[in-house]
């Protein structure tokens, strides 16, 4: 018998960092399931291309530029969301940055600050603004894209790993404090995925070979393989799930 547990018809979903990679895959799947998806990233052009493609395939999408490292842009974005849609059912915090790849003792202060501003402050205030909208309507779902690096720090990715650990903790904070408002908050922990963001790892044969030895499934994930987990966390299928960190890592953390 068919189930509508994954049906997102009439839901409004906002996906940051959705112009490519994991964010794009998430946006496309949520739209396929009936959601009106706000496709967002720093540059409008890339967002519009994804939104146009969704529309061409019969889905609903709107492109909206927002740099989550800039608090003023977050505020303006949510003011626009409130005015145009009046609600938000799903927030996927996916946009992130990792400008430093090197030994922790060589960390550059500017790179440190940029990583914290986007990966921690950005996620936090995106969640605050979304949560305020969700509180008014009686509920919603926030999904934070963290990383397995938040559990087991990645080599030469010290600051990035620290911020992703903070995202996992942040997820639990929002889950506990917002549950009574009908707002669920969960985290996705992707493993090594073939994206431009991870190109420094995937394109280096030596690093890739070493990484694959620790992945039981023995391969790198495709971005689309992350989207199904987000659909679960966004939909009624996960109605009793909050505060969890869902590993989608080919068995790496096992």
C-alpha atoms as a PDB file:
ATOM      1  CA  UNK A   1       0.000   0.000   0.000  1.00  0.00           C
ATOM      2  CA  UNK A   2       1.470   3.412  -0.936  1.00  0.00           C
ATOM      3  CA  UNK A   3       2.646   5.738   1.824  1.00  0.00           C
ATOM      4  CA  UNK A   4       2.684   9.509   1.940  1.00  0.00           C
ATOM      5  CA  UNK A   5       5.220   9.679   4.774  1.00  0.00           C
ATOM      6  CA  UNK A   6       7.737  11.347   2.447  1.00  0.00           C
ATOM      7  CA  UNK A   7       5.238  13.683   0.770  1.00  0.00           C
ATOM      8  CA  UNK A   8       6.244  17.343   1.108  1.00  0.00           C
ATOM      9  CA  UNK A   9       3.386  18.882  -0.866  1.00  0.00           C
ATOM     10  CA  UNK A  10       2.679  22.495   0.203  1.00  0.00           C
ATOM     11  CA  UNK A  11       5.836  22.610   2.335  1.00  0.00           C
ATOM     12  CA  UNK A  12       8.273  25.515   2.030  1.00  0.00           C
ATOM     13  CA  UNK A  13      11.906  24.395   2.236  1.00  0.00           C
ATOM     14  CA  UNK A  14      15.050  26.526   2.335  1.00  0.00           C
ATOM     15  CA  UNK A  15      18.353  24.893   1.355  1.00  0.00           C
ATOM     16  CA  UNK A  16      21.579  26.871   1.752  1.00  0.00           C
ATOM     17  CA  UNK A  17      24.598  26.094  -0.377  1.00  0.00           C
ATOM     18  CA  UNK A  18      22.228  24.632  -2.963  1.00  0.00           C
ATOM     19  CA  UNK A  19      23.862  25.805  -6.178  1.00  0.00           C
ATOM     20  CA  UNK A  20      25.936  22.611  -6.436  1.00  0.00           C
ATOM     21  CA  UNK A  21      27.004  19.436  -4.675  1.00  0.00           C
ATOM     22  CA  UNK A  22      25.107  18.016  -1.733  1.00  0.00           C
ATOM     23  CA  UNK A  23      22.897  21.095  -1.413  1.00  0.00           C
ATOM     24  CA  UNK A  24      21.794  20.887  -5.036  1.00  0.00           C
ATOM     25  CA  UNK A  25      20.979  17.179  -4.671  1.00  0.00           C
ATOM     26  CA  UNK A  26      18.927  17.913  -1.552  1.00  0.00           C
ATOM     27  CA  UNK A  27      17.041  20.764  -3.224  1.00  0.00           C
ATOM     28  CA  UNK A  28      16.178  18.607  -6.225  1.00  0.00           C
ATOM     29  CA  UNK A  29      14.875  15.699  -4.138  1.00  0.00           C
ATOM     30  CA  UNK A  30      12.780  17.889  -1.831  1.00  0.00           C
ATOM     31  CA  UNK A  31      11.226  19.496  -4.908  1.00  0.00           C
ATOM     32  CA  UNK A  32      10.529  16.078  -6.417  1.00  0.00           C
ATOM     33  CA  UNK A  33       8.610  15.239  -3.251  1.00  0.00           C
ATOM     34  CA  UNK A  34       6.399  18.313  -3.644  1.00  0.00           C
ATOM     35  CA  UNK A  35       8.113  21.044  -1.634  1.00  0.00           C
ATOM     36  CA  UNK A  36       8.551  24.592  -2.895  1.00  0.00           C
ATOM     37  CA  UNK A  37      12.311  24.880  -2.501  1.00  0.00           C
ATOM     38  CA  UNK A  38      14.197  28.115  -1.954  1.00  0.00           C
ATOM     39  CA  UNK A  39      17.545  27.441  -3.625  1.00  0.00           C
ATOM     40  CA  UNK A  40      20.152  29.594  -1.901  1.00  0.00           C
ATOM     41  CA  UNK A  41      23.874  30.283  -1.910  1.00  0.00           C
ATOM     42  CA  UNK A  42      26.136  33.328  -2.044  1.00  0.00           C
ATOM     43  CA  UNK A  43      25.695  33.955  -5.777  1.00  0.00           C
ATOM     44  CA  UNK A  44      22.269  34.269  -7.359  1.00  0.00           C
ATOM     45  CA  UNK A  45      23.341  33.041 -10.799  1.00  0.00           C
ATOM     46  CA  UNK A  46      24.143  29.504  -9.641  1.00  0.00           C
ATOM     47  CA  UNK A  47      20.955  29.329  -7.570  1.00  0.00           C
ATOM     48  CA  UNK A  48      18.850  30.483 -10.499  1.00  0.00           C
ATOM     49  CA  UNK A  49      20.277  27.762 -12.745  1.00  0.00           C
ATOM     50  CA  UNK A  50      19.255  25.065 -10.257  1.00  0.00           C
ATOM     51  CA  UNK A  51      15.854  26.652  -9.644  1.00  0.00           C
ATOM     52  CA  UNK A  52      15.195  26.911 -13.391  1.00  0.00           C
ATOM     53  CA  UNK A  53      16.085  23.239 -13.816  1.00  0.00           C
ATOM     54  CA  UNK A  54      13.680  22.246 -11.031  1.00  0.00           C
ATOM     55  CA  UNK A  55      10.928  24.326 -12.618  1.00  0.00           C
ATOM     56  CA  UNK A  56      11.617  22.773 -16.020  1.00  0.00           C
ATOM     57  CA  UNK A  57      11.098  19.349 -14.462  1.00  0.00           C
ATOM     58  CA  UNK A  58       7.716  20.294 -13.022  1.00  0.00           C
ATOM     59  CA  UNK A  59       8.822  21.268  -9.530  1.00  0.00           C
ATOM     60  CA  UNK A  60       8.509  24.481  -7.559  1.00  0.00           C
ATOM     61  CA  UNK A  61      11.585  26.557  -6.763  1.00  0.00           C
ATOM     62  CA  UNK A  62      12.754  30.091  -6.075  1.00  0.00           C
ATOM     63  CA  UNK A  63      16.340  31.314  -6.227  1.00  0.00           C
ATOM     64  CA  UNK A  64      17.515  33.538  -3.383  1.00  0.00           C
ATOM     65  CA  UNK A  65      21.085  34.698  -2.715  1.00  0.00           C
ATOM     66  CA  UNK A  66      22.293  34.688   0.890  1.00  0.00           C
ATOM     67  CA  UNK A  67      25.806  34.649   2.326  1.00  0.00           C
ATOM     68  CA  UNK A  68      25.268  33.033   5.724  1.00  0.00           C
ATOM     69  CA  UNK A  69      28.586  34.424   6.932  1.00  0.00           C
ATOM     70  CA  UNK A  70      26.973  37.894   6.866  1.00  0.00           C
ATOM     71  CA  UNK A  71      24.349  38.384   9.643  1.00  0.00           C
ATOM     72  CA  UNK A  72      22.711  41.265   7.780  1.00  0.00           C
ATOM     73  CA  UNK A  73      22.080  39.014   4.779  1.00  0.00           C
ATOM     74  CA  UNK A  74      20.472  36.378   6.994  1.00  0.00           C
ATOM     75  CA  UNK A  75      18.106  38.962   8.451  1.00  0.00           C
ATOM     76  CA  UNK A  76      17.226  40.349   5.029  1.00  0.00           C
ATOM     77  CA  UNK A  77      16.671  36.867   3.628  1.00  0.00           C
ATOM     78  CA  UNK A  78      14.216  35.906   6.341  1.00  0.00           C
ATOM     79  CA  UNK A  79      12.407  39.213   6.042  1.00  0.00           C
ATOM     80  CA  UNK A  80      11.943  38.371   2.371  1.00  0.00           C
ATOM     81  CA  UNK A  81      10.800  34.835   3.186  1.00  0.00           C
ATOM     82  CA  UNK A  82       8.255  36.113   5.675  1.00  0.00           C
ATOM     83  CA  UNK A  83       6.898  38.660   3.201  1.00  0.00           C
ATOM     84  CA  UNK A  84       6.678  36.301   0.232  1.00  0.00           C
ATOM     85  CA  UNK A  85       5.750  32.952   1.791  1.00  0.00           C
ATOM     86  CA  UNK A  86       4.663  33.753   5.349  1.00  0.00           C
ATOM     87  CA  UNK A  87       6.072  30.474   6.618  1.00  0.00           C
ATOM     88  CA  UNK A  88       8.972  28.025   6.521  1.00  0.00           C
ATOM     89  CA  UNK A  89       8.567  24.308   7.106  1.00  0.00           C
ATOM     90  CA  UNK A  90      12.051  22.989   6.427  1.00  0.00           C
ATOM     91  CA  UNK A  91      15.491  24.553   6.829  1.00  0.00           C
ATOM     92  CA  UNK A  92      18.552  22.719   5.551  1.00  0.00           C
ATOM     93  CA  UNK A  93      21.749  24.388   6.745  1.00  0.00           C
ATOM     94  CA  UNK A  94      24.206  23.086   4.182  1.00  0.00           C
ATOM     95  CA  UNK A  95      26.423  26.012   3.145  1.00  0.00           C
ATOM     96  CA  UNK A  96      29.850  25.747   4.740  1.00  0.00           C
ATOM     97  CA  UNK A  97      33.446  26.769   4.220  1.00  0.00           C
ATOM     98  CA  UNK A  98      36.876  25.226   4.760  1.00  0.00           C
ATOM     99  CA  UNK A  99      39.517  27.706   3.579  1.00  0.00           C
ATOM    100  CA  UNK A 100      42.396  26.055   5.431  1.00  0.00           C
ATOM    101  CA  UNK A 101      43.932  22.684   4.617  1.00  0.00           C
ATOM    102  CA  UNK A 102      47.110  22.181   6.628  1.00  0.00           C
ATOM    103  CA  UNK A 103      48.642  21.525  10.010  1.00  0.00           C
ATOM    104  CA  UNK A 104      46.730  23.005  12.936  1.00  0.00           C
ATOM    105  CA  UNK A 105      49.820  24.904  14.126  1.00  0.00           C
ATOM    106  CA  UNK A 106      49.866  26.766  10.832  1.00  0.00           C
ATOM    107  CA  UNK A 107      46.276  27.979  11.154  1.00  0.00           C
ATOM    108  CA  UNK A 108      45.739  31.441   9.725  1.00  0.00           C
ATOM    109  CA  UNK A 109      43.642  33.755  11.928  1.00  0.00           C
ATOM    110  CA  UNK A 110      41.596  35.045   8.994  1.00  0.00           C
ATOM    111  CA  UNK A 111      40.797  31.496   7.843  1.00  0.00           C
ATOM    112  CA  UNK A 112      39.871  30.565  11.411  1.00  0.00           C
ATOM    113  CA  UNK A 113      37.460  33.486  11.712  1.00  0.00           C
ATOM    114  CA  UNK A 114      35.857  32.870   8.327  1.00  0.00           C
ATOM    115  CA  UNK A 115      35.248  29.210   9.149  1.00  0.00           C
ATOM    116  CA  UNK A 116      33.678  30.043  12.499  1.00  0.00           C
ATOM    117  CA  UNK A 117      31.559  32.860  11.036  1.00  0.00           C
ATOM    118  CA  UNK A 118      30.014  30.626   8.389  1.00  0.00           C
ATOM    119  CA  UNK A 119      29.945  27.167   9.949  1.00  0.00           C
ATOM    120  CA  UNK A 120      28.920  28.132  13.497  1.00  0.00           C
ATOM    121  CA  UNK A 121      27.511  31.661  13.588  1.00  0.00           C
ATOM    122  CA  UNK A 122      25.833  31.261  10.210  1.00  0.00           C
ATOM    123  CA  UNK A 123      24.139  27.975  11.110  1.00  0.00           C
ATOM    124  CA  UNK A 124      23.112  29.331  14.499  1.00  0.00           C
ATOM    125  CA  UNK A 125      21.375  32.483  13.296  1.00  0.00           C
ATOM    126  CA  UNK A 126      19.836  30.755  10.275  1.00  0.00           C
ATOM    127  CA  UNK A 127      18.318  28.319  12.768  1.00  0.00           C
ATOM    128  CA  UNK A 128      17.190  31.129  15.085  1.00  0.00           C
ATOM    129  CA  UNK A 129      15.420  32.975  12.282  1.00  0.00           C
ATOM    130  CA  UNK A 130      13.870  29.793  10.909  1.00  0.00           C
ATOM    131  CA  UNK A 131      12.844  28.704  14.391  1.00  0.00           C
ATOM    132  CA  UNK A 132      11.026  31.979  14.998  1.00  0.00           C
ATOM    133  CA  UNK A 133       8.976  31.469  11.836  1.00  0.00           C
ATOM    134  CA  UNK A 134       8.333  27.831  12.718  1.00  0.00           C
ATOM    135  CA  UNK A 135       7.257  28.765  16.248  1.00  0.00           C
ATOM    136  CA  UNK A 136       4.537  31.004  14.815  1.00  0.00           C
ATOM    137  CA  UNK A 137       3.124  28.228  12.631  1.00  0.00           C
ATOM    138  CA  UNK A 138       3.405  25.460  15.231  1.00  0.00           C
ATOM    139  CA  UNK A 139       6.387  23.473  14.026  1.00  0.00           C
ATOM    140  CA  UNK A 140       8.956  22.605  11.420  1.00  0.00           C
ATOM    141  CA  UNK A 141      12.164  20.711  10.755  1.00  0.00           C
ATOM    142  CA  UNK A 142      15.738  22.021  10.871  1.00  0.00           C
ATOM    143  CA  UNK A 143      18.471  19.849   9.372  1.00  0.00           C
ATOM    144  CA  UNK A 144      22.121  20.759   9.855  1.00  0.00           C
ATOM    145  CA  UNK A 145      24.660  19.272   7.473  1.00  0.00           C
ATOM    146  CA  UNK A 146      27.591  18.575   9.768  1.00  0.00           C
ATOM    147  CA  UNK A 147      30.327  16.034   8.939  1.00  0.00           C
ATOM    148  CA  UNK A 148      31.943  12.859  10.210  1.00  0.00           C
ATOM    149  CA  UNK A 149      34.854  15.225  10.939  1.00  0.00           C
ATOM    150  CA  UNK A 150      32.766  16.523  13.818  1.00  0.00           C
ATOM    151  CA  UNK A 151      33.153  13.115  15.464  1.00  0.00           C
ATOM    152  CA  UNK A 152      36.576  12.066  14.199  1.00  0.00           C
ATOM    153  CA  UNK A 153      38.633  15.117  13.140  1.00  0.00           C
ATOM    154  CA  UNK A 154      39.911  15.032   9.590  1.00  0.00           C
ATOM    155  CA  UNK A 155      43.653  15.202   8.991  1.00  0.00           C
ATOM    156  CA  UNK A 156      44.802  18.749   8.230  1.00  0.00           C
ATOM    157  CA  UNK A 157      41.236  20.013   8.704  1.00  0.00           C
ATOM    158  CA  UNK A 158      41.444  21.156  12.308  1.00  0.00           C
ATOM    159  CA  UNK A 159      39.262  24.263  12.393  1.00  0.00           C
ATOM    160  CA  UNK A 160      36.684  22.804  10.007  1.00  0.00           C
ATOM    161  CA  UNK A 161      36.422  19.689  12.180  1.00  0.00           C
ATOM    162  CA  UNK A 162      35.993  21.803  15.310  1.00  0.00           C
ATOM    163  CA  UNK A 163      33.170  23.792  13.752  1.00  0.00           C
ATOM    164  CA  UNK A 164      31.385  20.627  12.639  1.00  0.00           C
ATOM    165  CA  UNK A 165      31.603  19.275  16.190  1.00  0.00           C
ATOM    166  CA  UNK A 166      29.964  22.517  17.285  1.00  0.00           C
ATOM    167  CA  UNK A 167      27.193  21.987  14.718  1.00  0.00           C
ATOM    168  CA  UNK A 168      26.436  18.575  16.234  1.00  0.00           C
ATOM    169  CA  UNK A 169      26.187  20.152  19.696  1.00  0.00           C
ATOM    170  CA  UNK A 170      24.112  23.025  18.316  1.00  0.00           C
ATOM    171  CA  UNK A 171      21.699  20.507  16.821  1.00  0.00           C
ATOM    172  CA  UNK A 172      21.093  18.982  20.247  1.00  0.00           C
ATOM    173  CA  UNK A 173      20.575  22.415  21.823  1.00  0.00           C
ATOM    174  CA  UNK A 174      17.878  23.377  19.314  1.00  0.00           C
ATOM    175  CA  UNK A 175      16.307  19.917  19.531  1.00  0.00           C
ATOM    176  CA  UNK A 176      15.918  20.144  23.297  1.00  0.00           C
ATOM    177  CA  UNK A 177      14.837  23.764  23.542  1.00  0.00           C
ATOM    178  CA  UNK A 178      12.482  23.771  20.552  1.00  0.00           C
ATOM    179  CA  UNK A 179      10.781  20.377  20.886  1.00  0.00           C
ATOM    180  CA  UNK A 180       7.879  21.853  22.868  1.00  0.00           C
ATOM    181  CA  UNK A 181       7.300  24.252  19.960  1.00  0.00           C
ATOM    182  CA  UNK A 182       6.884  21.393  17.495  1.00  0.00           C
ATOM    183  CA  UNK A 183      10.294  22.076  15.958  1.00  0.00           C
ATOM    184  CA  UNK A 184      12.586  19.147  15.320  1.00  0.00           C
ATOM    185  CA  UNK A 185      16.325  19.571  14.731  1.00  0.00           C
ATOM    186  CA  UNK A 186      18.656  16.875  13.424  1.00  0.00           C
ATOM    187  CA  UNK A 187      22.075  16.641  11.822  1.00  0.00           C
ATOM    188  CA  UNK A 188      23.361  14.815   8.776  1.00  0.00           C
ATOM    189  CA  UNK A 189      26.969  13.628   8.978  1.00  0.00           C
ATOM    190  CA  UNK A 190      28.198  12.964   5.439  1.00  0.00           C
ATOM    191  CA  UNK A 191      31.277  10.914   4.810  1.00  0.00           C
ATOM    192  CA  UNK A 192      33.657  11.518   1.922  1.00  0.00           C
ATOM    193  CA  UNK A 193      31.524  12.768  -0.968  1.00  0.00           C
ATOM    194  CA  UNK A 194      32.504  13.621  -4.534  1.00  0.00           C
ATOM    195  CA  UNK A 195      31.935  17.382  -4.551  1.00  0.00           C
ATOM    196  CA  UNK A 196      33.981  20.429  -5.465  1.00  0.00           C
ATOM    197  CA  UNK A 197      34.135  21.166  -1.728  1.00  0.00           C
ATOM    198  CA  UNK A 198      35.985  17.873  -1.131  1.00  0.00           C
ATOM    199  CA  UNK A 199      38.140  18.102  -4.241  1.00  0.00           C
ATOM    200  CA  UNK A 200      41.362  18.498  -2.237  1.00  0.00           C
ATOM    201  CA  UNK A 201      40.744  15.005  -0.853  1.00  0.00           C
ATOM    202  CA  UNK A 202      39.080  13.249  -3.775  1.00  0.00           C
ATOM    203  CA  UNK A 203      41.528  14.490  -6.420  1.00  0.00           C
ATOM    204  CA  UNK A 204      44.654  13.512  -4.458  1.00  0.00           C
ATOM    205  CA  UNK A 205      45.295   9.837  -5.242  1.00  0.00           C
ATOM    206  CA  UNK A 206      47.448   9.233  -2.160  1.00  0.00           C
ATOM    207  CA  UNK A 207      44.978  10.845   0.250  1.00  0.00           C
ATOM    208  CA  UNK A 208      42.023   9.161  -1.453  1.00  0.00           C
ATOM    209  CA  UNK A 209      43.605   5.698  -1.284  1.00  0.00           C
ATOM    210  CA  UNK A 210      44.314   6.174   2.415  1.00  0.00           C
ATOM    211  CA  UNK A 211      40.750   7.357   3.067  1.00  0.00           C
ATOM    212  CA  UNK A 212      39.163   4.453   1.190  1.00  0.00           C
ATOM    213  CA  UNK A 213      40.981   1.963   3.413  1.00  0.00           C
ATOM    214  CA  UNK A 214      38.828   3.244   6.303  1.00  0.00           C
ATOM    215  CA  UNK A 215      35.502   3.151   4.442  1.00  0.00           C
ATOM    216  CA  UNK A 216      33.918  -0.323   4.581  1.00  0.00           C
ATOM    217  CA  UNK A 217      31.874   0.308   1.418  1.00  0.00           C
ATOM    218  CA  UNK A 218      35.164   1.109  -0.308  1.00  0.00           C
ATOM    219  CA  UNK A 219      34.107   4.097  -2.360  1.00  0.00           C
ATOM    220  CA  UNK A 220      33.349   7.810  -2.316  1.00  0.00           C
ATOM    221  CA  UNK A 221      29.673   8.826  -2.042  1.00  0.00           C
ATOM    222  CA  UNK A 222      27.738  10.707  -4.681  1.00  0.00           C
ATOM    223  CA  UNK A 223      25.907  13.890  -3.551  1.00  0.00           C
ATOM    224  CA  UNK A 224      22.548  12.268  -4.326  1.00  0.00           C
ATOM    225  CA  UNK A 225      23.278   9.626  -1.677  1.00  0.00           C
ATOM    226  CA  UNK A 226      23.029  12.296   1.022  1.00  0.00           C
ATOM    227  CA  UNK A 227      19.659  13.615  -0.114  1.00  0.00           C
ATOM    228  CA  UNK A 228      17.579  10.613   0.942  1.00  0.00           C
ATOM    229  CA  UNK A 229      18.633  10.982   4.562  1.00  0.00           C
ATOM    230  CA  UNK A 230      17.641  14.655   4.501  1.00  0.00           C
ATOM    231  CA  UNK A 231      14.262  13.762   3.005  1.00  0.00           C
ATOM    232  CA  UNK A 232      13.694  11.392   5.919  1.00  0.00           C
ATOM    233  CA  UNK A 233      14.616  14.080   8.458  1.00  0.00           C
ATOM    234  CA  UNK A 234      12.471  16.694   6.691  1.00  0.00           C
ATOM    235  CA  UNK A 235       9.357  14.560   6.364  1.00  0.00           C
ATOM    236  CA  UNK A 236       6.683  12.988   8.542  1.00  0.00           C
ATOM    237  CA  UNK A 237       8.649   9.732   8.356  1.00  0.00           C
ATOM    238  CA  UNK A 238      10.897  11.130  11.106  1.00  0.00           C
ATOM    239  CA  UNK A 239       8.141  12.656  13.264  1.00  0.00           C
ATOM    240  CA  UNK A 240       9.635  11.160  16.464  1.00  0.00           C
ATOM    241  CA  UNK A 241      13.248  11.884  15.537  1.00  0.00           C
ATOM    242  CA  UNK A 242      14.995  14.926  16.982  1.00  0.00           C
ATOM    243  CA  UNK A 243      18.472  15.661  18.290  1.00  0.00           C
ATOM    244  CA  UNK A 244      20.042  12.869  16.267  1.00  0.00           C
ATOM    245  CA  UNK A 245      23.237  12.883  14.225  1.00  0.00           C
ATOM    246  CA  UNK A 246      22.726  10.559  11.264  1.00  0.00           C
ATOM    247  CA  UNK A 247      25.921   9.114   9.799  1.00  0.00           C
ATOM    248  CA  UNK A 248      25.880   8.619   6.019  1.00  0.00           C
ATOM    249  CA  UNK A 249      29.498   7.632   5.656  1.00  0.00           C
ATOM    250  CA  UNK A 250      29.831   4.215   4.042  1.00  0.00           C
ATOM    251  CA  UNK A 251      30.566   2.747   7.459  1.00  0.00           C
ATOM    252  CA  UNK A 252      33.555   4.978   8.267  1.00  0.00           C
ATOM    253  CA  UNK A 253      32.553   5.705  11.864  1.00  0.00           C
ATOM    254  CA  UNK A 254      31.617   2.081  12.513  1.00  0.00           C
END
